[in-house]
Amino acid sequence: MSENGSEDGSLHIVDVATGKDVDKVIPNVQYPTGGGSLAWREDGSGFWYTRYPGAKEPAERQHFYQQIYYHRVGDDPAKDVYVLGKDFPRVAEIALDARPGAPGVIASVANGDGGEFAHYLIARDGGIRQVTRFEDKVVAAALGPDGLYLISRQDAPRGKLLKLALDDLTLAKAQTIVPESDAALEPGGEFGAGNITLTRNAIYLREIVGGPSRVAIYGLDGKPRGQLQLPEVATVDEMTVMDDGSLLVAVKTYLEPPQFMRVDADSGRSKPTALRQTSPVSFGDVEVVREFATSKDGTRIPLNIVRRKGLKLDGSAPLLLNGYGGYNVSLVPRFLGAATRLWLDAGGVYVIANLRGGGEFGETWHTQGALTNKQNVFDDFAASAQYLVDKGYTSKERMAAIGGSNGGLLMGAVFTQHPELFRAVVSTVGIYDMLRVELDPNGAFNVTEFGTVKNPEQFQALYAYSPYHHVNGGAKYPAIFMATGETDGRVNPMHSRKMVARLQAATGSGRPVLLSINAHAGHGMGSSLSIRVNQMADIYAFLFDQLGMTSPLQ
């Protein structure tokens, strides 16, 4: 738990029957971006967890050097036993994965945010074995009762599935049981562990195909058994093995509330369950069409276009374009909810662009938008916007863009490079000074994704697109709404403050440049419902005003 969305968290062990703490609170277990993780011993007597050096250490160490400790329930946390991590990188990010019946716990260690991972097996008896190194290109690991399963990108940028025998965890002896296919096996969730689900007689692999996902089913020998039947454009969030061996699968789409399906352990057939969310809004008159823009270098960029059926492509509709493009994070189908329903009812169109830098098509798609290739992401977004204008979905005077965090960097880069492209831009918790970001505690984790000013080639690339350094006096910038949280540990609020000050002094368009700062919010995780609702109301009020829209609620 952390205060005011800071993600500077402490660990509470709570009796679910009484709601009271069982043990003393364990401090320093979580901090952005390294986060925090925990894995219970199967008998419930204790757990492995991650923690940071803490306030007694020098400031330059407090939010780095994450390590693994073991806590026995009932003991004083001061007696917790060190397990692993003193030799990990300064920017290590650890995820722990324990599964019923497995002979140990997997510790997956990320070397910052760039996509390199090492994997360790912590045996139930306390023995430790390093299985893979950062340079091995193994991006996920899952421990089953019959072996260790690995997603490898070695000579397979979209990923292949390897298997190691438990009595010999030498990577060179791994067997390829599922070769690379047309779909990507991406790291996701706890560094991809959730993308490999093992039942008593099958392997379920979550694959991503340009944004939407599918679930491929294999026997334990790797022989294909087909695919799980899912809606056409959907994503699978969770796959949980139940006590009877069946599988509970969480499915999300753009237009239907999240629901759970149950997969029979023997037949592999799925059926809906009564476990589903409800929504006060319906999208029966709405469709999602998938089209492709062509980027500057000829790359095809998927666009998920959410529109009311029968929309006339006459360029008159207000349109909101969303993008991210970084960290191997894929923008996948998610239920759009009431705010998007309001937008559509006001005549709007909503579009999600799957940009390079994400994981939608595998590691190559990611690396084409990372480090010195980052400009590709901005070119992809600009090309997407121009495509939507050319096809008659909207006009530049009726189009807005929105993005947050790395997507905020995207917003800053695009509106400084193409100030004429959008009428309005919403950018939340964004990074804008790419020459100083690595000086922040959390900025160090980003070096493997963005690069460093200490490398001459990477410095030139960073400076070439750094939004703050390309604000030009007198340029006719769009209307801009920025938002940040005072306790944001991922992106220093300084970025938003200095960027807004520079824009307010420079813009020649006469359009507003606004900044919203919340003293009780961070990067967005853990923000209260009231904070999120108020910010959403501010954003939509700004967009409706700038695009000349009338709320259907009036």
Foldseek 3Di string as FASTA:
>chain_A
DDFLALQQDKDFDADPVPRDGQADIGGAQAGPPLGKEWDADPVRQWIKIKGFPDDVDPPLGGNWQIFIWIDGGPDHPVPIGGQDGNPPDRQWRWYWDDDPLFQFIKIWIDQFLQQFIWIWTQGPVGDIDTQGGRVQQWQDWETDNAWIWTWHCPVAQLTFIWTDGPVDSHPVPIDTLGGHDQWHQAQDDRRNNQQWDDFPFWTWGWTFALAAIWIWIAGPSNHTDGTADDPPAKHWDGWDQDPVRKIWIWIFAAFAFIFIWIADRPPRHIDTDPGTDDAPDGQPQKDWDWDWFAFPVGDTKIKTKIAGPPDDLQAAAQEEEEEFQASQAFNHGHHPGDLVVQSRVLRHMYMYIGQQLHNNRGDVSNVCCFQLNVVRRLRRRLRVLVVSNVRRVHHQQRYEYEYEASSLLSQLLNCLVCQSRHQEYEYELYAQALQCQCVASLSVSCCSGQNHCVDVSSVVSSCVRRSQNRQAAAAAHHAYEYEFEPSASNHHCVRVVSSLVSCVRGHNNPHHRYYHYHDSHYRHPPNDPVVVVVVSVVVVVVSCVSNVTDGPVD
